């Protein structure tokens, strides 16, 4: 036996409403113990449910491993360089400047590691 859903207009005799409700009153529905423990049925959705679903589908284990291998070490190094993520100054402008200097020093360090000191000096000259 399946629960028959009809529109609220058919259930209560009103016109214009199209919210699905149980054809039986929930207190007398023989399938109530299978479908809900509540007085009424509520369907809720997150505002960005489609975007969240898309992000979850894109988050495959291989992509997460690749992300961890490429992105996470960068931010871990920046955090270590910037006093464990705490800024030495107050204010958004000062903190932004401090972070920018940290990113610049990280990029210079990476360039020196890739090119070597001599290669870096040749490129800068």
Protein backbone atom coordinates (compact mmCIF):
# COMPACT_ATOMS: atom_id res chain seq x y z
CA UNK A 1 0.00 0.00 0.00
CA UNK A 2 1.40 3.40 -0.90
CA UNK A 3 0.55 6.78 0.53
CA UNK A 4 -1.58 8.78 -1.91
CA UNK A 5 -0.48 12.41 -2.28
CA UNK A 6 -3.05 14.91 -3.44
CA UNK A 7 -2.96 18.67 -3.58
CA UNK A 8 -4.09 20.73 -0.62
CA UNK A 9 -6.84 22.19 -2.82
CA UNK A 10 -8.34 18.72 -3.30
CA UNK A 11 -7.86 17.83 0.39
CA UNK A 12 -9.55 20.87 1.94
CA UNK A 13 -11.66 22.08 -0.94
CA UNK A 14 -9.72 25.33 -1.53
CA UNK A 15 -8.66 26.50 -4.97
CA UNK A 16 -5.18 27.67 -6.02
CA UNK A 17 -3.01 25.77 -3.54
CA UNK A 18 -0.74 23.05 -4.87
CA UNK A 19 1.23 21.90 -1.82
CA UNK A 20 1.23 18.07 -1.64
CA UNK A 21 -0.30 16.62 1.52
CA UNK A 22 -1.30 13.13 2.56
CA UNK A 23 -4.72 12.10 1.25
CA UNK A 24 -5.43 10.66 4.68
CA UNK A 25 -5.23 12.86 7.73
CA UNK A 26 -1.82 12.10 9.24
CA UNK A 27 -3.31 10.80 12.48
CA UNK A 28 -5.26 8.12 10.60
CA UNK A 29 -2.76 7.33 7.83
CA UNK A 30 -1.80 3.63 7.99
CA UNK A 31 1.71 4.39 6.65
CA UNK A 32 2.55 7.26 9.02
CA UNK A 33 5.00 5.19 11.08
CA UNK A 34 6.99 4.49 7.86
CA UNK A 35 7.18 8.03 6.55
CA UNK A 36 7.37 10.45 9.49
CA UNK A 37 7.20 10.92 13.23
CA UNK A 38 6.08 14.53 12.91
CA UNK A 39 2.62 16.09 12.92
CA UNK A 40 3.24 17.59 9.49
CA UNK A 41 5.56 17.00 6.59
CA UNK A 42 8.22 19.61 5.95
CA UNK A 43 10.59 19.73 3.01
CA UNK A 44 13.55 22.03 3.50
CA UNK A 45 16.35 22.88 1.12
CA UNK A 46 19.53 24.83 1.61
CA UNK A 47 19.58 28.07 -0.37
CA UNK A 48 22.71 26.98 -2.28
CA UNK A 49 21.88 23.27 -2.41
CA UNK A 50 22.63 22.94 -6.13
CA UNK A 51 26.08 24.54 -5.73
CA UNK A 52 26.82 22.36 -2.69
CA UNK A 53 25.79 19.24 -4.60
CA UNK A 54 28.00 20.24 -7.54
CA UNK A 55 30.96 20.86 -5.21
CA UNK A 56 30.47 17.50 -3.47
CA UNK A 57 30.35 15.71 -6.81
CA UNK A 58 33.55 17.45 -7.93
CA UNK A 59 35.34 16.58 -4.68
CA UNK A 60 36.57 13.15 -5.70
CA UNK A 61 39.30 11.47 -3.62
CA UNK A 62 41.89 11.83 -6.40
CA UNK A 63 41.16 15.54 -6.77
CA UNK A 64 41.40 16.05 -3.01
CA UNK A 65 44.75 14.26 -2.89
CA UNK A 66 46.02 16.44 -5.74
CA UNK A 67 44.73 19.57 -3.99
CA UNK A 68 46.42 18.60 -0.74
CA UNK A 69 49.68 17.99 -2.59
CA UNK A 70 49.68 21.34 -4.41
CA UNK A 71 47.81 23.88 -2.29
CA UNK A 72 48.10 22.84 1.33
CA UNK A 73 51.93 22.95 1.60
CA UNK A 74 51.90 26.52 0.29
CA UNK A 75 49.53 27.74 2.98
CA UNK A 76 51.33 25.70 5.64
CA UNK A 77 54.61 27.37 4.71
CA UNK A 78 52.99 30.82 4.70
CA UNK A 79 51.47 30.15 8.10
CA UNK A 80 54.82 29.04 9.46
CA UNK A 81 56.53 32.12 7.98
CA UNK A 82 53.89 34.48 9.37
CA UNK A 83 54.22 33.54 13.05
CA UNK A 84 51.78 30.62 12.93
CA UNK A 85 49.03 32.63 11.26
CA UNK A 86 49.09 35.54 13.71
CA UNK A 87 49.84 38.97 12.37
CA UNK A 88 52.30 41.25 14.14
CA UNK A 89 50.28 44.37 13.35
CA UNK A 90 46.74 45.65 13.86
CA UNK A 91 44.23 46.67 11.20
CA UNK A 92 43.12 45.25 7.90
CA UNK A 93 45.50 47.34 5.75
CA UNK A 94 48.51 46.44 7.87
CA UNK A 95 47.59 42.76 8.00
CA UNK A 96 47.04 42.74 4.23
CA UNK A 97 50.45 44.33 3.69
CA UNK A 98 52.08 41.84 6.04
CA UNK A 99 50.47 38.92 4.23
CA UNK A 100 51.49 40.33 0.85
CA UNK A 101 55.10 40.55 2.03
CA UNK A 102 54.86 36.95 3.23
CA UNK A 103 53.54 35.83 -0.17
CA UNK A 104 56.29 37.78 -1.95
CA UNK A 105 58.98 36.18 0.21
CA UNK A 106 57.44 32.73 -0.38
CA UNK A 107 57.44 33.29 -4.16
CA UNK A 108 61.06 34.48 -4.09
CA UNK A 109 62.03 31.45 -2.02
CA UNK A 110 60.31 29.11 -4.49
CA UNK A 111 61.95 30.84 -7.47
CA UNK A 112 65.38 30.46 -5.86
CA UNK A 113 64.68 26.79 -5.13
CA UNK A 114 63.62 26.15 -8.73
CA UNK A 115 66.14 28.32 -10.60
CA UNK A 116 68.99 28.38 -8.11
CA UNK A 117 70.74 31.52 -6.89
CA UNK A 118 72.78 31.99 -10.07
CA UNK A 119 69.76 31.48 -12.34
CA UNK A 120 67.72 33.92 -10.26
CA UNK A 121 70.44 36.56 -10.41
CA UNK A 122 70.76 36.10 -14.19
CA UNK A 123 67.01 36.60 -14.62
CA UNK A 124 66.96 39.68 -12.42
CA UNK A 125 69.91 41.35 -14.19
